[in-house]
Amino acid sequence: MRLKGKKIGFAITGSHCTFEKTFPQVEKLKKEGADVHVIFSEAALNTDTRFGKAQDWYNKFLEASGNPIITTIAEAEPIGPKNYLDCIVVAPCTGNTLGKLANAITDSVVTMAVKAQLRNSKPVVIAISTNDGLGNNAKNIGILLNSKNIYFVPFKQDNPQEKPNSLVANMDLLLDTILAALEGKQLQPILDR
């Protein structure tokens, strides 16, 4: 129970194709003793895709976490002044969210949650899933890699032949990344094989 007594925010953004790999991570954190607070982006909350219906995903994450899901900027804002989370995970983190975080844009529930967490100088763990990580978003990854209290789940190209700019985090390393981040360390190597 390596996370016993820890409160972990778990923000889900709109990389719907990654939800199936992301969901078991919430269950894994719970088994490690974490009190998980799920945060759903607007896209995760409202978009039905070929990867599942939004309401079904909402219900699964709600049941797994055992806590109400944060779905609005107003619900995310108190994370700062109440200072109740030990770490926030953004998994999956889309290129859109990466760009907003790198440029301090707070116009969504997830970016508000991250801003509120960083206000308290506490860790934010990012598990990227973006088709342009080695394209337009490379600069945003660079900015965030060099930002205080931001930690990345090790990542790699997921399909270099057909999508050479696409990057995806190794979700199996999420727990280890959180444990390292809680100690103020970046899990290495950051480039997964």
Protein backbone atom coordinates (compact mmCIF):
# COMPACT_ATOMS: atom_id res chain seq x y z
CA MET A 1 0.00 0.00 0.00
CA ARG A 2 2.52 2.54 -1.24
CA LEU A 3 -0.05 5.33 -1.59
CA LYS A 4 -1.87 4.83 1.70
CA GLY A 5 -3.20 8.16 2.94
CA LYS A 6 -2.42 9.95 -0.35
CA LYS A 7 -5.09 11.87 -2.23
CA ILE A 8 -4.54 11.67 -5.97
CA GLY A 9 -6.38 13.76 -8.56
CA PHE A 10 -6.83 11.85 -11.81
CA ALA A 11 -7.67 14.12 -14.75
CA ILE A 12 -8.99 12.52 -17.94
CA THR A 13 -8.74 14.47 -21.22
CA GLY A 14 -10.12 13.65 -24.65
CA SER A 15 -7.72 11.02 -25.95
CA HIS A 16 -10.59 8.56 -26.06
CA CYS A 17 -8.52 5.80 -27.68
CA THR A 18 -6.41 5.67 -24.51
CA PHE A 19 -9.26 5.32 -21.97
CA GLU A 20 -9.09 1.52 -22.05
CA LYS A 21 -5.44 1.63 -20.92
CA THR A 22 -6.05 4.49 -18.49
CA PHE A 23 -8.97 3.04 -16.56
CA PRO A 24 -7.04 0.16 -14.91
CA GLN A 25 -4.61 2.72 -13.50
CA VAL A 26 -7.33 4.18 -11.27
CA GLU A 27 -8.00 0.70 -9.92
CA LYS A 28 -4.26 0.15 -9.39
CA LEU A 29 -3.95 3.42 -7.43
CA LYS A 30 -6.90 2.41 -5.26
CA LYS A 31 -5.27 -0.97 -4.53
CA GLU A 32 -2.16 0.92 -3.43
CA GLY A 33 -4.29 2.80 -0.87
CA ALA A 34 -4.85 6.08 -2.74
CA ASP A 35 -7.98 8.18 -2.33
CA VAL A 36 -8.64 8.96 -6.02
CA HIS A 37 -10.52 12.08 -7.17
CA VAL A 38 -11.36 11.89 -10.89
CA ILE A 39 -11.54 15.06 -12.99
CA PHE A 40 -13.27 14.80 -16.38
CA SER A 41 -12.48 17.25 -19.16
CA GLU A 42 -15.38 18.59 -21.17
CA ALA A 43 -14.44 16.28 -24.07
CA ALA A 44 -14.29 13.21 -21.83
CA LEU A 45 -17.59 14.14 -20.21
CA ASN A 46 -19.59 14.88 -23.34
CA THR A 47 -18.18 12.98 -26.33
CA ASP A 48 -19.38 9.56 -27.48
CA THR A 49 -16.81 7.87 -29.72
CA ARG A 50 -16.11 4.49 -31.29
CA PHE A 51 -14.18 3.80 -28.08
CA GLY A 52 -17.29 4.09 -25.93
CA LYS A 53 -20.10 6.31 -24.73
CA ALA A 54 -19.21 9.23 -22.49
CA GLN A 55 -21.80 8.26 -19.86
CA ASP A 56 -20.46 4.69 -19.67
CA TRP A 57 -16.91 5.94 -19.10
CA TYR A 58 -18.15 8.42 -16.52
CA ASN A 59 -19.95 5.65 -14.63
CA LYS A 60 -16.90 3.35 -14.72
CA PHE A 61 -14.54 6.02 -13.37
CA LEU A 62 -17.10 7.11 -10.77
CA GLU A 63 -17.51 3.58 -9.47
CA ALA A 64 -13.77 2.88 -9.49
CA SER A 65 -12.85 6.06 -7.61
CA GLY A 66 -15.68 6.10 -5.11
CA ASN A 67 -15.70 9.90 -5.12
CA PRO A 68 -17.80 12.45 -7.04
CA ILE A 69 -16.21 13.36 -10.38
CA ILE A 70 -15.08 16.96 -10.81
CA THR A 71 -16.53 18.26 -14.09
CA THR A 72 -16.50 22.07 -13.95
CA ILE A 73 -13.97 24.85 -13.49
CA ALA A 74 -15.89 25.96 -10.39
CA GLU A 75 -15.52 22.47 -8.87
CA ALA A 76 -11.78 22.34 -9.71
CA GLU A 77 -10.86 25.80 -8.37
CA PRO A 78 -11.01 24.82 -4.65
CA ILE A 79 -8.17 22.34 -5.20
CA GLY A 80 -5.87 25.34 -4.70
CA PRO A 81 -7.18 27.01 -1.54
CA LYS A 82 -8.29 23.73 0.11
CA ASN A 83 -4.90 22.16 -0.75
CA TYR A 84 -6.27 18.63 -0.42
CA LEU A 85 -4.52 16.69 -3.21
CA ASP A 86 -1.03 15.27 -2.88
CA CYS A 87 -0.60 14.81 -6.63
CA ILE A 88 -2.61 15.32 -9.81
CA VAL A 89 -2.25 12.97 -12.76
CA VAL A 90 -3.32 14.03 -16.25
CA ALA A 91 -3.83 10.74 -18.08
CA PRO A 92 -4.30 10.72 -20.93
CA CYS A 93 -3.00 14.22 -21.62
CA THR A 94 -3.82 15.42 -25.12
CA GLY A 95 -1.69 17.76 -27.19
CA ASN A 96 -4.36 20.41 -26.71
CA THR A 97 -4.05 20.19 -22.94
CA LEU A 98 -0.23 20.11 -23.18
CA GLY A 99 -0.28 23.36 -25.15
CA LYS A 100 -2.57 25.04 -22.65
CA LEU A 101 -0.50 23.92 -19.66
CA ALA A 102 2.76 25.04 -21.28
CA ASN A 103 1.29 28.47 -21.99
CA ALA A 104 -0.59 28.96 -18.69
CA ILE A 105 -4.03 28.91 -20.31
CA THR A 106 -6.72 28.09 -17.76
CA ASP A 107 -9.95 27.65 -19.70
CA SER A 108 -11.00 24.12 -18.78
CA VAL A 109 -11.65 21.97 -15.73
CA VAL A 110 -8.35 20.08 -16.20
CA THR A 111 -6.20 23.17 -16.70
CA MET A 112 -7.84 24.78 -13.66
CA ALA A 113 -7.13 21.68 -11.56
CA VAL A 114 -3.48 21.69 -12.63
CA LYS A 115 -3.13 25.43 -12.01
CA ALA A 116 -4.69 25.00 -8.56
CA GLN A 117 -2.29 22.14 -7.76
CA LEU A 118 0.79 24.03 -8.93
CA ARG A 119 -0.23 27.00 -6.79
CA ASN A 120 0.51 24.72 -3.82
CA SER A 121 3.90 23.61 -5.24
CA LYS A 122 2.71 20.02 -5.43
CA PRO A 123 3.39 17.48 -8.19
CA VAL A 124 1.53 17.13 -11.47
CA VAL A 125 2.17 13.94 -13.44
CA ILE A 126 1.52 14.02 -17.19
CA ALA A 127 0.87 10.88 -19.27
CA ILE A 128 0.90 12.17 -22.83
CA SER A 129 -1.14 10.82 -25.69
CA THR A 130 -0.80 13.07 -28.71
CA ASN A 131 -0.40 12.68 -32.45
CA ASP A 132 1.85 15.74 -32.67
CA GLY A 133 4.26 15.24 -29.76
CA LEU A 134 7.24 15.35 -32.13
CA GLY A 135 5.58 18.03 -34.26
CA ASN A 136 3.94 21.26 -33.09
CA ASN A 137 3.68 20.04 -29.50
CA ALA A 138 7.39 19.23 -29.13
CA LYS A 139 8.03 22.78 -27.91
CA ASN A 140 5.28 22.44 -25.29
CA ILE A 141 6.74 19.17 -24.03
CA GLY A 142 10.11 20.93 -23.77
CA ILE A 143 8.62 23.78 -21.76
CA LEU A 144 6.86 21.39 -19.38
CA LEU A 145 9.91 19.13 -18.99
CA ASN A 146 11.71 22.21 -17.69
CA SER A 147 8.88 23.32 -15.37
CA LYS A 148 8.94 22.94 -11.61
CA ASN A 149 6.61 20.29 -10.14
CA ILE A 150 5.75 18.78 -13.55
CA TYR A 151 6.70 15.13 -14.10
CA PHE A 152 6.19 12.93 -17.16
CA VAL A 153 5.25 9.29 -17.31
CA PRO A 154 7.94 7.81 -19.62
CA PHE A 155 6.76 7.95 -23.22
CA LYS A 156 7.65 6.74 -26.70
CA GLN A 157 6.52 6.84 -30.30
CA ASP A 158 3.53 4.55 -30.57
CA ASN A 159 3.55 4.04 -34.36
CA PRO A 160 6.68 5.57 -35.94
CA GLN A 161 5.99 4.25 -39.43
CA GLU A 162 2.44 5.54 -39.88
CA LYS A 163 2.36 8.36 -37.30
CA PRO A 164 5.97 9.54 -36.86
CA ASN A 165 5.05 12.51 -34.64
CA SER A 166 2.78 10.55 -32.28
CA LEU A 167 3.80 9.97 -28.65
CA VAL A 168 2.14 7.94 -25.93
CA ALA A 169 2.97 7.38 -22.27
CA ASN A 170 3.64 3.91 -20.89
CA MET A 171 0.66 3.62 -18.54
CA ASP A 172 2.28 0.67 -16.80
CA LEU A 173 4.82 3.17 -15.38
CA LEU A 174 2.20 5.58 -14.01
CA LEU A 175 2.36 4.35 -10.42
CA ASP A 176 6.17 4.44 -10.36
CA THR A 177 6.09 7.96 -11.82
CA ILE A 178 3.69 9.14 -9.11
CA LEU A 179 5.84 7.62 -6.37
CA ALA A 180 8.94 9.35 -7.77
CA ALA A 181 7.07 12.66 -8.22
CA LEU A 182 5.93 12.58 -4.59
CA GLU A 183 9.66 12.54 -3.73
CA GLY A 184 10.36 15.39 -6.15
CA LYS A 185 12.04 13.15 -8.74
CA GLN A 186 11.44 12.42 -12.42
CA LEU A 187 11.24 8.69 -13.16
CA GLN A 188 14.00 7.70 -15.57
CA PRO A 189 14.54 6.98 -18.35
CA ILE A 190 11.89 9.40 -19.56
CA LEU A 191 12.11 8.07 -23.12
CA ASP A 192 10.59 4.60 -22.91
CA ARG A 193 11.72 1.80 -25.21
